[in-house]
Amino acid sequence: MALRGDTILTHPTYNKGTGFPLSERKEFGLTGRLPYRVNTLDEQCHRAYDQLKTRDTPIRKNTFLQSLKDQNWVLYYSLIQRHLKELIPIIYTPTQGDAIANYSHLFRRSEGMFLTYPHEDSMEQDFLEQTRGRDIQLFVVSDAEAILGIGDQGVGIATAKSAIYTLVGGINPTKAVSVALDVGTDNEELLKDDLYVGWPQKRVRGADYDRFVDKFVQLVRKHYPHSLLHFEDFGVSNAKRLLDLYHDQHAVFNDDVQGTGAVALAAVMSAVGVTKTRLADQRFLIYGAGSAGLGIARQLRDGVVKIDGVSASDAKRGFYILDRHGLVKESLGQFIRAGQEEFARPDAEWAGVPTDGNGEVGLLEVVKKVKPTIMIGCSTKAGAFTEEVVREMAKHVERPLIMPLSNPDRLVEVKPSLANDWTEGRALMATGSPFPPCRQPNGKEYIIAECNNALIYPGLGFGAMITEARTVTDTMIIAGAQRLASLAPALRDPDLPLLPDFADAPMVNFEIAVAVAEQAIDEGTAGVPWKKGEVRERVKAAQWQPVYRDFVYDPNGAR
């Protein structure tokens, strides 16, 4: 049955508010439900932005925008597109972390799909209730065990991630679904919170967990075989494992593992272009070896292999990984977590190097011995890159690349302004959150590149989706990273940032989508019979734009 009257005004997909023209107001029974004046979308955005500016904190701005999204999708996406650089940090990193941490207390309206462990028997019915008859191209799924900076949040749902796919990737929001796999939480504060909206039990693990996740994945494969399945915020024990498990079964992507690695690879490639060296010449120190740190290590290693043509065994010799037990070396034994073993260093390399009371090699000692050219932080340990560490690195490298990527910004390993001062302005830098420019000794300002996954994952995903790729290959991801690096302002002027400005994210992700789609066609991964020459126009035609469409009332159900 067609939407009409109050029903259409409360449906965010179709609601235009005061933007309904007079003809549609008459057809849909809205004349008496709306004030006289018909507003353009420009006028509505102006009004909404004025309202937004009265909110005095990021979290209040976040809740205002969420409320707007619940009312009118076109207005929500159009407003943010017009103020992209200003508002992405409000709906995404870093403010979204606070919103998720307070999800149960801020909860107003359900959004997305909630699949809960006690209701496993009805999962397919629950799945089909929201998806039946829909052309869904994207599922963004999370079990919320490892939300960066705030950890286990139980029932957190990755709606912001889906919104970014639309805002900068061009995905039609009606074709995307955010899914929460609620398998409990080990967060004691949530378990004791009477307002917690999730299943208040300890996390399910082992075979029961795997069965529950697999049931969901098989539903996606059964009903939407050409969709992209995006894994988000899974814990370190599951993220890479699930990615590997389903890699050859479906088009799957994990942003924490692959997206973080891809954007980091692009920043590093840009820095290598500035220093006129090769990836294979670098000495990589990665501080923090969870899903993000290991994902970056693997992506950089794969980049070295593909771009510089060295073997995987030779490539990984340039990597030094540190976790909570210091340098990951072979003698750590049981303390080496899954995925770290491939980067474990031989103990013989460290004979005579000072250790702490537990026999562990710390960050400063690794820097002294290795003399890294690139230092990447994914630890969420604020201030870990101390003055002594940074100055020691800068002694041996003319243009050190320092990338404190931890989010939110209060957990950053070093503030860029300090790293800039301690290296006399020689450091190339990229961060996970936005930071103000740094003043150089010559008086110039150095703009800090924001190493934000949103610069690449929407384009990667769109390129995979539009070609109906059977799998998301490493070469597709590297193709996207290479295209992003090629757009770096630093390649034109070394004093400019290592990555494009976030205000240019839609253009950047369009180019990435084209590169990924072309690679999928080249390697035979694509499920569509296209030629490379038509990809650019295909991508452009498929991108959704937040503008009001004309509606026609049909009492038989057409809109």
Protein backbone atom coordinates (compact mmCIF):
# COMPACT_ATOMS: atom_id res chain seq x y z
CA MET A 1 0.00 0.00 0.00
CA ALA A 2 1.27 3.50 -0.83
CA LEU A 3 2.49 5.76 1.96
CA ARG A 4 0.22 8.70 2.66
CA GLY A 5 -0.42 11.41 5.25
CA ASP A 6 1.37 11.02 8.57
CA THR A 7 2.92 7.75 7.40
CA ILE A 8 5.01 9.37 4.69
CA LEU A 9 5.99 12.24 7.02
CA THR A 10 7.39 9.77 9.56
CA HIS A 11 9.27 7.64 7.00
CA PRO A 12 12.85 9.00 6.74
CA THR A 13 13.38 7.47 3.30
CA TYR A 14 10.50 9.41 1.73
CA ASN A 15 9.89 12.36 4.03
CA LYS A 16 10.68 15.78 2.52
CA GLY A 17 9.21 17.86 5.36
CA THR A 18 8.56 21.39 4.11
CA GLY A 19 10.20 20.36 0.84
CA PHE A 20 7.06 18.63 -0.46
CA PRO A 21 5.80 20.69 -3.44
CA LEU A 22 2.15 21.72 -3.51
CA SER A 23 1.20 19.04 -6.06
CA GLU A 24 2.55 16.25 -3.85
CA ARG A 25 0.99 17.78 -0.74
CA LYS A 26 -2.41 17.48 -2.40
CA GLU A 27 -1.81 13.97 -3.76
CA PHE A 28 -0.47 12.55 -0.49
CA GLY A 29 -2.87 14.28 1.92
CA LEU A 30 -0.25 16.64 3.35
CA THR A 31 -1.76 20.10 2.72
CA GLY A 32 -3.18 20.38 6.21
CA ARG A 33 -0.24 18.64 7.82
CA LEU A 34 2.44 21.13 6.74
CA PRO A 35 2.80 24.92 7.03
CA TYR A 36 2.19 26.96 3.87
CA ARG A 37 5.76 27.70 2.73
CA VAL A 38 7.50 25.22 0.45
CA ASN A 39 11.26 25.19 1.14
CA THR A 40 14.05 24.21 -1.21
CA LEU A 41 16.60 21.67 0.00
CA ASP A 42 19.11 24.53 0.22
CA GLU A 43 16.80 26.40 2.59
CA GLN A 44 16.20 23.30 4.69
CA CYS A 45 19.95 22.72 4.99
CA HIS A 46 20.44 26.35 6.03
CA ARG A 47 17.82 25.96 8.76
CA ALA A 48 19.21 22.64 10.00
CA TYR A 49 22.77 23.99 10.09
CA ASP A 50 21.64 26.99 12.14
CA GLN A 51 19.97 24.59 14.58
CA LEU A 52 23.10 22.42 14.70
CA LYS A 53 25.30 25.39 15.61
CA THR A 54 23.28 25.98 18.79
CA ARG A 55 24.50 22.61 20.13
CA ASP A 56 27.62 23.40 22.14
CA THR A 57 29.38 20.00 22.38
CA PRO A 58 30.30 17.35 19.80
CA ILE A 59 28.08 14.73 21.44
CA ARG A 60 25.07 17.08 21.38
CA LYS A 61 25.75 17.80 17.72
CA ASN A 62 25.96 14.05 17.14
CA THR A 63 22.58 13.40 18.75
CA PHE A 64 21.00 16.28 16.78
CA LEU A 65 22.25 14.82 13.51
CA GLN A 66 21.06 11.35 14.50
CA SER A 67 17.62 12.81 15.19
CA LEU A 68 17.67 14.48 11.77
CA LYS A 69 18.60 11.16 10.17
CA ASP A 70 15.63 9.52 11.87
CA GLN A 71 13.37 12.10 10.19
CA ASN A 72 14.70 12.78 6.70
CA TRP A 73 17.54 10.92 4.98
CA VAL A 74 17.95 13.30 2.06
CA LEU A 75 18.24 16.32 4.34
CA TYR A 76 20.66 14.51 6.67
CA TYR A 77 23.03 13.44 3.90
CA SER A 78 22.74 16.71 2.00
CA LEU A 79 23.57 18.76 5.11
CA ILE A 80 26.65 16.72 5.93
CA GLN A 81 27.87 16.72 2.33
CA ARG A 82 27.81 20.54 2.39
CA HIS A 83 29.90 20.65 5.57
CA LEU A 84 31.78 17.38 5.13
CA LYS A 85 35.10 18.18 6.78
CA GLU A 86 33.41 19.85 9.75
CA LEU A 87 30.76 17.21 10.38
CA ILE A 88 32.45 13.88 9.64
CA PRO A 89 34.29 14.08 13.01
CA ILE A 90 30.87 14.60 14.60
CA ILE A 91 29.12 11.57 13.11
CA TYR A 92 32.26 9.39 12.88
CA THR A 93 35.73 9.44 14.45
CA PRO A 94 36.23 10.72 17.12
CA THR A 95 32.77 11.71 18.45
CA GLN A 96 31.03 8.49 17.44
CA GLY A 97 33.11 6.61 20.02
CA ASP A 98 31.49 8.64 22.79
CA ALA A 99 28.07 8.13 21.22
CA ILE A 100 28.56 4.35 21.13
CA ALA A 101 29.86 4.30 24.70
CA ASN A 102 26.62 6.02 25.76
CA TYR A 103 24.40 4.16 23.29
CA SER A 104 22.00 2.72 25.87
CA HIS A 105 21.55 6.07 27.60
CA LEU A 106 21.10 8.01 24.35
CA PHE A 107 18.84 5.40 22.74
CA ARG A 108 15.72 6.87 21.12
CA ARG A 109 14.91 4.91 18.00
CA SER A 110 16.12 1.59 16.67
CA GLU A 111 18.18 1.69 13.49
CA GLY A 112 19.58 -1.33 11.70
CA MET A 113 19.23 -5.03 12.40
CA PHE A 114 19.77 -6.64 15.81
CA LEU A 115 20.46 -10.38 15.80
CA THR A 116 20.74 -11.64 19.37
CA TYR A 117 22.19 -14.94 20.55
CA PRO A 118 19.12 -16.08 22.56
CA HIS A 119 17.03 -15.61 19.39
CA GLU A 120 19.32 -17.67 17.16
CA ASP A 121 16.50 -20.04 16.18
CA SER A 122 14.53 -17.18 14.59
CA MET A 123 17.53 -15.54 12.90
CA GLU A 124 16.44 -16.20 9.33
CA GLN A 125 12.91 -14.95 10.03
CA ASP A 126 14.30 -11.82 11.70
CA PHE A 127 16.73 -11.32 8.82
CA LEU A 128 14.03 -11.61 6.18
CA GLU A 129 11.64 -9.29 8.04
CA GLN A 130 14.00 -6.41 7.21
CA THR A 131 15.47 -7.53 3.92
CA ARG A 132 12.74 -9.31 1.96
CA GLY A 133 12.15 -7.64 -1.40
CA ARG A 134 15.05 -5.21 -1.00
CA ASP A 135 18.05 -4.81 -3.29
CA ILE A 136 20.77 -4.87 -0.65
CA GLN A 137 24.37 -4.46 -1.76
CA LEU A 138 26.07 -3.87 1.60
CA PHE A 139 25.93 -5.41 5.07
CA VAL A 140 28.03 -3.71 7.77
CA VAL A 141 28.18 -6.14 10.69
CA SER A 142 29.74 -5.79 14.14
CA ASP A 143 29.85 -7.74 17.39
CA ALA A 144 31.22 -4.58 19.07
CA GLU A 145 33.97 -6.37 20.98
CA ALA A 146 36.80 -4.05 20.00
CA ILE A 147 35.57 -0.55 19.22
CA LEU A 148 38.74 1.47 18.84
CA GLY A 149 39.57 3.44 21.97
CA ILE A 150 36.64 2.18 24.06
CA GLY A 151 36.73 -1.61 23.69
CA ASP A 152 33.80 -3.95 24.31
CA GLN A 153 30.43 -2.22 23.94
CA GLY A 154 28.23 -5.30 23.61
CA VAL A 155 25.45 -4.14 21.32
CA GLY A 156 27.13 -1.27 19.46
CA ILE A 157 25.95 -0.93 15.86
CA ALA A 158 28.04 0.49 13.03
CA THR A 159 25.49 2.87 11.51
CA ALA A 160 28.10 5.62 11.16
CA LYS A 161 30.20 3.33 9.00
CA SER A 162 27.24 2.76 6.68
CA ALA A 163 26.57 6.51 6.55
CA ILE A 164 30.15 7.14 5.39
CA TYR A 165 29.66 4.62 2.60
CA THR A 166 26.82 6.84 1.40
CA LEU A 167 28.37 10.25 2.07
CA VAL A 168 31.71 9.70 0.37
CA GLY A 169 31.23 6.45 -1.52
CA GLY A 170 27.85 7.07 -3.12
CA ILE A 171 26.11 3.93 -1.82
CA ASN A 172 22.33 4.26 -1.88
CA PRO A 173 21.39 4.13 1.84
CA THR A 174 18.36 1.98 1.07
CA LYS A 175 20.76 -0.70 -0.20
CA ALA A 176 22.84 -0.86 2.99
CA VAL A 177 22.03 -2.54 6.30
CA SER A 178 23.92 -2.18 9.59
CA VAL A 179 23.82 -5.37 11.67
CA ALA A 180 24.58 -5.91 15.35
CA LEU A 181 25.48 -9.46 16.35
CA ASP A 182 24.68 -9.33 20.06
CA VAL A 183 26.57 -12.20 21.68
CA GLY A 184 26.80 -10.57 25.10
CA THR A 185 29.51 -8.40 26.63
CA ASP A 186 32.40 -8.73 29.07
CA ASN A 187 32.11 -5.04 29.96
CA GLU A 188 31.17 -5.14 33.65
CA GLU A 189 29.87 -1.57 33.62
CA LEU A 190 27.36 -2.47 30.93
CA LEU A 191 26.34 -5.68 32.69
CA LYS A 192 25.56 -3.67 35.82
CA ASP A 193 23.75 -0.89 33.94
CA ASP A 194 19.97 -1.17 34.32
CA LEU A 195 19.54 0.87 31.11
CA TYR A 196 21.78 -1.35 28.96
CA VAL A 197 19.71 -2.30 25.90
CA GLY A 198 21.71 -5.39 24.86
CA TRP A 199 21.69 -9.00 26.07
CA PRO A 200 23.15 -8.71 29.61
CA GLN A 201 25.28 -11.85 29.65
CA LYS A 202 28.97 -12.67 29.30
CA ARG A 203 30.20 -12.98 25.73
CA VAL A 204 29.57 -16.25 23.97
CA ARG A 205 32.80 -17.72 22.65
CA GLY A 206 34.19 -20.82 20.96
CA ALA A 207 32.04 -23.14 18.86
CA ASP A 208 28.76 -21.47 19.91
CA TYR A 209 30.06 -18.09 18.76
CA ASP A 210 31.30 -19.49 15.46
CA ARG A 211 27.98 -21.21 14.79
CA PHE A 212 26.04 -18.01 15.44
CA VAL A 213 28.26 -15.89 13.17
CA ASP A 214 28.26 -18.54 10.47
CA LYS A 215 24.47 -18.71 10.48
CA PHE A 216 24.37 -14.99 9.72
CA VAL A 217 27.04 -15.20 7.00
CA GLN A 218 25.23 -18.07 5.30
CA LEU A 219 22.00 -16.04 5.28
CA VAL A 220 23.83 -13.24 3.48
CA ARG A 221 25.31 -15.71 1.01
CA LYS A 222 21.95 -17.39 0.42
CA HIS A 223 19.79 -14.31 -0.05
CA TYR A 224 22.32 -11.69 -1.27
CA PRO A 225 25.17 -13.57 -2.98
CA HIS A 226 26.49 -10.47 -4.78
CA SER A 227 26.59 -8.19 -1.73
CA LEU A 228 29.63 -6.95 0.19
CA LEU A 229 29.93 -8.11 3.80
CA HIS A 230 31.86 -5.54 5.84
CA PHE A 231 33.14 -6.74 9.25
CA GLU A 232 33.62 -3.98 11.83
CA ASP A 233 35.05 -3.79 15.38
CA PHE A 234 35.56 -7.53 15.92
CA GLY A 235 38.07 -8.53 18.60
CA VAL A 236 41.65 -9.47 17.82
CA SER A 237 40.92 -13.18 18.29
CA ASN A 238 38.15 -13.10 15.68
CA ALA A 239 38.79 -10.28 13.17
CA LYS A 240 41.49 -11.83 10.98
CA ARG A 241 40.28 -15.38 11.64
CA LEU A 242 36.78 -14.64 10.32
CA LEU A 243 38.18 -12.68 7.40
CA ASP A 244 40.35 -15.64 6.40
CA LEU A 245 37.51 -18.12 6.96
CA TYR A 246 35.10 -16.41 4.58
CA HIS A 247 37.53 -14.78 2.16
CA ASP A 248 37.00 -17.39 -0.56
CA GLN A 249 33.27 -17.85 0.08
CA HIS A 250 31.97 -14.31 -0.34
CA ALA A 251 33.08 -10.72 -0.92
CA VAL A 252 34.15 -9.86 2.65
CA PHE A 253 36.10 -6.90 3.97
CA ASN A 254 37.31 -5.97 7.44
CA ASP A 255 37.96 -2.26 7.78
CA ASP A 256 40.00 -2.59 10.99
CA VAL A 257 42.34 -5.06 9.30
CA GLN A 258 42.28 -4.11 5.61
CA GLY A 259 40.96 -0.53 5.56
CA THR A 260 43.39 0.67 8.20
CA GLY A 261 46.19 -1.14 6.40
CA ALA A 262 45.22 0.27 3.01
CA VAL A 263 45.09 3.93 4.07
CA ALA A 264 48.35 3.51 6.00
CA LEU A 265 49.95 1.98 2.90
CA ALA A 266 48.80 4.97 0.86
CA ALA A 267 50.33 7.42 3.36
CA VAL A 268 53.58 5.46 3.40
CA MET A 269 53.70 5.34 -0.40
CA SER A 270 53.24 9.10 -0.46
CA ALA A 271 56.08 9.55 2.04
CA VAL A 272 58.28 7.25 -0.02
CA GLY A 273 57.54 9.46 -3.01
CA VAL A 274 58.65 12.52 -1.02
CA THR A 275 61.90 10.89 0.14
CA LYS A 276 62.61 9.36 -3.29
CA THR A 277 63.15 5.91 -1.80
CA ARG A 278 61.40 2.52 -2.10
CA LEU A 279 58.97 0.71 0.17
CA ALA A 280 61.47 -2.12 0.34
CA ASP A 281 64.12 0.27 1.76
CA GLN A 282 62.06 1.14 4.85
CA ARG A 283 62.42 -0.10 8.41
CA PHE A 284 58.93 -0.30 9.89
CA LEU A 285 58.27 -0.10 13.62
CA ILE A 286 54.64 -0.76 14.55
CA TYR A 287 53.69 -0.09 18.16
CA GLY A 288 50.48 -1.92 19.02
CA ALA A 289 49.82 -5.34 17.49
CA GLY A 290 46.05 -5.76 17.67
CA SER A 291 43.78 -6.03 14.64
CA ALA A 292 44.76 -2.59 13.33
CA GLY A 293 48.51 -2.92 13.90
CA LEU A 294 48.72 -6.38 12.37
CA GLY A 295 46.48 -5.32 9.50
CA ILE A 296 48.82 -2.44 8.75
CA ALA A 297 51.87 -4.70 8.96
CA ARG A 298 50.39 -7.21 6.54
CA GLN A 299 49.20 -4.57 4.10
CA LEU A 300 52.58 -2.84 4.09
CA ARG A 301 54.36 -6.17 3.64
CA ASP A 302 52.05 -7.09 0.74
CA GLY A 303 52.68 -3.66 -0.75
CA VAL A 304 56.44 -4.21 -0.60
CA VAL A 305 56.00 -7.58 -2.32
CA LYS A 306 53.72 -6.37 -5.11
CA ILE A 307 55.16 -2.93 -5.76
CA ASP A 308 58.90 -3.61 -5.33
CA GLY A 309 58.87 -7.26 -6.37
CA VAL A 310 60.62 -8.77 -3.34
CA SER A 311 59.68 -12.05 -1.70
CA ALA A 312 57.32 -12.13 1.31
CA SER A 313 60.09 -13.56 3.52
CA ASP A 314 62.48 -10.76 2.54
CA ALA A 315 59.76 -8.12 2.91
CA LYS A 316 58.85 -9.04 6.49
CA ARG A 317 62.48 -8.68 7.60
CA GLY A 318 61.91 -4.93 7.61
CA PHE A 319 59.14 -5.11 10.27
CA TYR A 320 59.44 -4.76 14.03
CA ILE A 321 56.19 -5.21 15.99
CA LEU A 322 55.71 -4.25 19.64
CA ASP A 323 52.83 -5.31 21.85
CA ARG A 324 52.20 -5.19 25.60
CA HIS A 325 55.14 -7.55 26.16
CA GLY A 326 57.52 -5.32 24.22
CA LEU A 327 59.13 -6.43 20.98
CA VAL A 328 57.46 -9.52 19.55
CA LYS A 329 60.33 -12.00 19.42
CA GLU A 330 60.39 -15.76 19.24
CA SER A 331 61.19 -16.37 22.93
CA LEU A 332 57.89 -14.79 24.02
CA GLY A 333 56.31 -18.15 23.29
CA GLN A 334 52.78 -18.31 24.72
CA PHE A 335 52.60 -14.50 24.85
CA ILE A 336 52.71 -14.30 21.05
CA ARG A 337 49.10 -13.80 20.03
CA ALA A 338 47.50 -15.24 16.90
CA GLY A 339 48.78 -13.46 13.81
CA GLN A 340 51.90 -12.03 15.47
CA GLU A 341 54.07 -15.09 14.95
CA GLU A 342 54.85 -14.26 11.31
CA PHE A 343 56.54 -11.02 12.46
CA ALA A 344 58.33 -12.43 15.51
CA ARG A 345 62.03 -11.52 15.49
CA PRO A 346 64.81 -14.05 16.12
CA ASP A 347 66.23 -13.69 19.64
CA ALA A 348 69.77 -13.82 18.32
CA GLU A 349 69.27 -10.34 16.86
CA TRP A 350 68.79 -8.91 20.35
CA ALA A 351 71.72 -10.40 22.23
CA GLY A 352 73.20 -7.70 24.44
CA VAL A 353 70.28 -5.28 24.00
CA PRO A 354 69.08 -3.99 27.40
CA THR A 355 65.75 -5.37 28.60
CA ASP A 356 63.38 -4.61 31.46
CA GLY A 357 62.92 -6.77 34.55
CA ASN A 358 60.81 -9.25 32.60
CA GLY A 359 63.35 -9.66 29.83
CA GLU A 360 61.31 -7.60 27.39
CA VAL A 361 62.77 -5.20 24.83
CA GLY A 362 61.05 -1.83 25.07
CA LEU A 363 60.24 0.82 22.49
CA LEU A 364 63.29 3.03 23.06
CA GLU A 365 65.74 0.13 22.80
CA VAL A 366 64.13 -1.04 19.57
CA VAL A 367 64.40 2.47 18.11
CA LYS A 368 68.08 2.68 19.12
CA LYS A 369 68.94 -0.65 17.49
CA VAL A 370 66.67 -0.63 14.44
CA LYS A 371 66.81 3.08 13.52
CA PRO A 372 63.33 2.91 11.97
CA THR A 373 62.45 5.13 9.06
CA ILE A 374 58.73 4.74 9.82
CA MET A 375 57.08 4.55 13.25
CA ILE A 376 53.37 3.74 13.45
CA GLY A 377 51.27 3.80 16.61
CA CYS A 378 48.10 1.70 17.03
CA SER A 379 48.35 1.15 20.78
CA THR A 380 45.87 3.68 22.28
CA LYS A 381 48.66 4.42 24.80
CA ALA A 382 48.72 8.19 25.02
CA GLY A 383 52.21 9.72 24.90
CA ALA A 384 54.01 6.43 24.20
CA PHE A 385 56.22 8.15 21.60
CA THR A 386 58.17 10.19 24.11
CA GLU A 387 60.60 12.98 23.38
CA GLU A 388 63.52 10.60 23.87
CA VAL A 389 62.03 8.07 21.46
CA VAL A 390 61.25 10.64 18.75
CA ARG A 391 64.61 12.40 19.03
CA GLU A 392 66.43 9.07 18.87
CA MET A 393 64.56 8.17 15.68
CA ALA A 394 65.25 11.57 14.12
CA LYS A 395 69.01 11.23 14.77
CA HIS A 396 69.29 8.61 12.07
CA VAL A 397 66.64 9.58 9.50
CA GLU A 398 66.48 12.79 7.50
CA ARG A 399 62.69 12.72 7.01
CA PRO A 400 61.23 10.31 9.60
CA LEU A 401 57.64 9.27 9.02
CA ILE A 402 55.69 9.30 12.29
CA MET A 403 52.11 8.03 12.25
CA PRO A 404 50.31 8.10 15.64
CA LEU A 405 47.04 6.54 14.48
CA SER A 406 45.25 5.78 17.75
CA ASN A 407 41.74 7.14 18.20
CA PRO A 408 40.20 9.11 19.75
CA ASP A 409 42.72 11.98 19.73
CA ARG A 410 43.23 11.90 23.52
CA LEU A 411 44.85 8.45 23.11
CA VAL A 412 47.33 9.47 20.43
CA GLU A 413 50.91 8.21 20.89
CA VAL A 414 52.35 11.68 20.32
CA LYS A 415 50.80 15.01 19.50
CA PRO A 416 51.97 16.16 16.07
CA SER A 417 53.07 19.54 17.41
CA LEU A 418 55.49 17.81 19.78
CA ALA A 419 56.81 15.43 17.11
CA ASN A 420 57.31 18.44 14.86
CA ASP A 421 59.29 20.30 17.54
CA TRP A 422 61.40 17.28 18.51
CA THR A 423 62.43 16.67 14.88
CA GLU A 424 63.07 20.37 14.08
CA GLY A 425 60.23 20.23 11.56
CA ARG A 426 61.70 17.33 9.57
CA ALA A 427 59.04 14.73 10.37
CA LEU A 428 56.48 13.66 7.82
CA MET A 429 53.26 12.90 9.70
CA ALA A 430 49.83 11.33 9.46
CA THR A 431 47.38 10.82 12.32
CA GLY A 432 44.17 8.89 12.93
CA SER A 433 42.23 11.94 14.10
CA PRO A 434 42.28 15.52 12.80
CA PHE A 435 44.93 17.81 14.31
CA PRO A 436 45.77 21.46 13.61
CA PRO A 437 48.77 22.33 11.39
CA CYS A 438 52.25 22.60 12.88
CA ARG A 439 54.52 25.63 12.55
CA GLN A 440 57.82 24.82 10.81
CA PRO A 441 61.18 26.49 11.63
CA ASN A 442 60.95 28.32 8.28
CA GLY A 443 57.61 29.82 9.32
CA LYS A 444 55.49 27.63 7.05
CA GLU A 445 52.59 25.57 8.34
CA TYR A 446 52.73 21.80 7.87
CA ILE A 447 49.24 20.33 7.42
CA ILE A 448 48.87 16.97 9.16
CA ALA A 449 47.40 14.28 6.93
CA GLU A 450 44.43 12.53 8.48
CA CYS A 451 45.00 8.81 7.98
CA ASN A 452 41.29 8.15 8.11
CA ASN A 453 39.93 4.86 6.78
CA ALA A 454 37.03 6.80 5.28
CA LEU A 455 39.45 8.10 2.65
CA ILE A 456 39.54 4.63 1.15
CA TYR A 457 37.08 2.00 2.40
CA PRO A 458 33.92 3.47 0.78
CA GLY A 459 35.62 3.45 -2.61
CA LEU A 460 37.03 -0.03 -2.07
CA GLY A 461 33.60 -1.28 -1.11
CA PHE A 462 31.83 0.47 -3.99
CA GLY A 463 34.30 -0.92 -6.51
CA ALA A 464 33.72 -4.44 -5.20
CA MET A 465 29.93 -4.04 -5.04
CA ILE A 466 29.37 -2.50 -8.45
CA THR A 467 31.35 -5.27 -10.15
CA GLU A 468 29.67 -7.97 -8.03
CA ALA A 469 33.15 -9.20 -7.14
CA ARG A 470 33.21 -12.78 -5.89
CA THR A 471 35.93 -11.92 -3.40
CA VAL A 472 37.88 -8.85 -2.29
CA THR A 473 41.45 -9.65 -3.25
CA ASP A 474 44.67 -8.21 -1.87
CA THR A 475 45.47 -6.84 -5.32
CA MET A 476 42.15 -4.97 -5.44
CA ILE A 477 43.00 -3.35 -2.09
CA ILE A 478 46.51 -2.43 -3.22
CA ALA A 479 45.09 -0.95 -6.42
CA GLY A 480 42.87 1.28 -4.28
CA ALA A 481 45.79 2.29 -2.05
CA GLN A 482 47.97 3.12 -5.05
CA ARG A 483 45.22 5.32 -6.51
CA LEU A 484 44.84 7.13 -3.17
CA ALA A 485 48.61 7.66 -2.88
CA SER A 486 48.72 9.06 -6.42
CA LEU A 487 46.34 11.84 -5.31
CA ALA A 488 48.54 12.94 -2.39
CA PRO A 489 49.31 16.70 -2.35
CA ALA A 490 52.80 15.88 -0.97
CA LEU A 491 53.79 14.46 -4.34
CA ARG A 492 53.43 17.98 -5.77
CA ASP A 493 55.04 19.75 -2.82
CA PRO A 494 56.73 17.93 0.13
CA ASP A 495 55.45 20.60 2.51
CA LEU A 496 51.86 19.59 1.72
CA PRO A 497 50.05 16.69 3.46
CA LEU A 498 50.66 13.03 2.68
CA LEU A 499 46.99 12.37 1.93
CA PRO A 500 44.22 14.38 0.28
CA ASP A 501 42.11 16.69 2.41
CA PHE A 502 39.03 15.02 3.81
CA ALA A 503 36.86 17.63 2.11
CA ASP A 504 37.88 15.89 -1.14
CA ALA A 505 36.88 12.43 0.11
CA PRO A 506 33.98 11.96 -2.36
CA MET A 507 36.22 12.66 -5.36
CA VAL A 508 38.99 10.53 -3.91
CA ASN A 509 36.71 7.57 -3.24
CA PHE A 510 35.26 7.82 -6.73
CA GLU A 511 38.76 7.37 -8.13
CA ILE A 512 39.42 4.48 -5.74
CA ALA A 513 36.18 2.77 -6.76
CA VAL A 514 37.22 3.04 -10.41
CA ALA A 515 40.68 1.60 -9.67
CA VAL A 516 39.27 -1.30 -7.65
CA ALA A 517 36.61 -2.10 -10.24
CA GLU A 518 39.19 -2.04 -13.03
CA GLN A 519 41.43 -4.39 -11.04
CA ALA A 520 38.52 -6.77 -10.40
CA ILE A 521 37.83 -6.89 -14.14
CA ASP A 522 41.53 -7.33 -14.96
CA GLU A 523 41.98 -10.30 -12.66
CA GLY A 524 38.65 -11.98 -13.42
CA THR A 525 37.13 -11.45 -9.98
CA ALA A 526 34.22 -9.36 -11.29
CA GLY A 527 30.80 -10.91 -11.77
CA VAL A 528 29.77 -8.46 -14.51
CA PRO A 529 30.75 -8.64 -18.20
CA TRP A 530 32.16 -5.12 -18.41
CA LYS A 531 35.19 -3.79 -20.20
CA LYS A 532 37.61 -1.57 -18.29
CA GLY A 533 36.85 1.37 -20.56
CA GLU A 534 33.26 1.60 -19.32
CA VAL A 535 34.00 1.41 -15.59
CA ARG A 536 34.27 5.15 -14.94
CA GLU A 537 30.84 5.89 -16.42
CA ARG A 538 29.30 2.88 -14.68
CA VAL A 539 30.55 4.05 -11.29
CA LYS A 540 29.39 7.61 -11.90
CA ALA A 541 25.91 6.49 -12.96
CA ALA A 542 25.50 4.23 -9.93
CA GLN A 543 26.35 6.83 -7.27
CA TRP A 544 23.43 8.02 -5.14
CA GLN A 545 22.97 11.74 -4.54
CA PRO A 546 20.90 13.27 -1.70
CA VAL A 547 18.30 15.15 -3.72
CA TYR A 548 14.53 14.97 -3.57
CA ARG A 549 12.90 12.75 -6.19
CA ASP A 550 9.46 13.39 -7.63
CA PHE A 551 6.72 11.18 -6.18
CA VAL A 552 3.54 10.01 -7.89
CA TYR A 553 0.67 8.73 -5.78
CA ASP A 554 -0.80 5.37 -6.78
CA PRO A 555 -3.46 3.97 -4.46
CA ASN A 556 -2.43 0.48 -5.56
CA GLY A 557 0.94 0.91 -3.94
CA ALA A 558 3.27 2.66 -6.42
CA ARG A 559 5.08 5.78 -5.16
